[in-house]
Amino acid sequence: MTYVFRNKSAIAPYLGGLYRWTFISGLDDLNAYGARAGVYVSTGRRSYLGLGGVYMAYNDCDTGIYRTCSDTYPEVSFAFSF
């Protein structure tokens, strides 16, 4: 779920929480929870460029199988409306 803080400027910040369920054949399923934050920048009358970051933490993660039990990565999106 993501909430966008709308205002009168061309930049609108957003915050969100997320859940991810990953299943890989032969391994236990992974559940992850995370957060995202960033800004949407108006690129036209009805289009937006989103720039932000995401942090994910994996539950019941076995470091003997996976290199790390959390992940941080950039997020880039483009959206338009009709």
Protein backbone atom coordinates (compact mmCIF):
# COMPACT_ATOMS: atom_id res chain seq x y z
CA MET A 1 0.00 0.00 0.00
CA THR A 2 1.38 3.42 -0.93
CA TYR A 3 0.17 6.85 0.14
CA VAL A 4 1.00 9.87 -2.03
CA PHE A 5 1.05 13.27 -0.31
CA ARG A 6 -0.56 15.49 -2.96
CA ASN A 7 0.14 19.21 -2.93
CA LYS A 8 0.17 22.16 -5.35
CA SER A 9 3.81 21.69 -6.42
CA ALA A 10 5.18 19.46 -9.20
CA ILE A 11 6.75 17.14 -6.59
CA ALA A 12 4.64 14.76 -4.47
CA PRO A 13 6.35 12.60 -1.80
CA TYR A 14 5.12 9.07 -1.11
CA LEU A 15 5.45 6.45 1.66
CA GLY A 16 4.39 2.85 1.54
CA GLY A 17 4.53 -0.53 3.17
CA LEU A 18 4.70 -3.84 1.36
CA TYR A 19 4.62 -7.59 1.80
CA ARG A 20 6.25 -10.11 -0.52
CA TRP A 21 5.81 -13.88 -0.62
CA THR A 22 8.49 -15.73 -2.58
CA PHE A 23 8.46 -19.42 -3.39
CA ILE A 24 11.36 -21.30 -4.97
CA SER A 25 11.09 -24.96 -5.89
CA GLY A 26 13.02 -27.11 -3.40
CA LEU A 27 13.33 -24.37 -0.74
CA ASP A 28 11.06 -23.06 2.01
CA ASP A 29 8.87 -20.09 1.11
CA LEU A 30 10.15 -16.63 2.10
CA ASN A 31 7.96 -13.92 3.58
CA ALA A 32 9.27 -10.37 3.51
CA TYR A 33 8.06 -7.04 4.81
CA GLY A 34 9.33 -3.68 3.73
CA ALA A 35 8.89 0.01 3.23
CA ARG A 36 9.25 2.36 0.30
CA ALA A 37 9.67 6.12 0.10
CA GLY A 38 10.33 8.61 -2.64
CA VAL A 39 8.85 11.35 -4.79
CA TYR A 40 6.70 11.60 -7.88
CA VAL A 41 7.74 14.42 -10.21
CA SER A 42 5.26 15.75 -12.75
CA THR A 43 6.60 15.29 -16.29
CA GLY A 44 3.51 16.50 -18.11
CA ARG A 45 -0.14 17.25 -17.66
CA ARG A 46 -1.02 13.67 -16.65
CA SER A 47 2.31 11.87 -16.35
CA TYR A 48 4.74 11.33 -13.46
CA LEU A 49 8.24 10.02 -12.91
CA GLY A 50 8.75 8.23 -9.60
CA LEU A 51 12.14 8.06 -7.86
CA GLY A 52 12.67 6.41 -4.50
CA GLY A 53 14.08 3.57 -2.46
CA VAL A 54 12.87 0.27 -1.00
CA TYR A 55 13.97 -1.68 2.09
CA MET A 56 12.96 -5.36 2.48
CA ALA A 57 13.53 -7.67 5.48
CA TYR A 58 13.01 -11.43 5.02
CA ASN A 59 11.43 -13.47 7.86
CA ASP A 60 12.89 -16.85 8.87
CA CYS A 61 15.79 -16.32 6.48
CA ASP A 62 18.64 -18.85 6.65
CA THR A 63 22.00 -17.14 6.01
CA GLY A 64 23.42 -20.57 5.21
CA ILE A 65 21.29 -20.53 2.05
CA TYR A 66 20.95 -16.81 1.27
CA ARG A 67 23.74 -14.22 1.30
CA THR A 68 21.69 -11.65 3.21
CA CYS A 69 18.31 -11.45 4.94
CA SER A 70 17.53 -7.86 3.97
CA ASP A 71 17.73 -5.84 0.80
CA THR A 72 17.78 -2.18 -0.18
CA TYR A 73 17.36 -1.04 -3.77
CA PRO A 74 16.35 2.00 -5.84
CA GLU A 75 12.91 2.30 -7.37
CA VAL A 76 12.13 4.09 -10.64
CA SER A 77 8.65 4.24 -12.16
CA PHE A 78 6.70 6.09 -14.79
CA ALA A 79 2.93 6.60 -14.51
CA PHE A 80 0.27 8.29 -16.57
CA SER A 81 -3.47 8.71 -16.28
CA PHE A 82 -6.26 9.08 -18.79
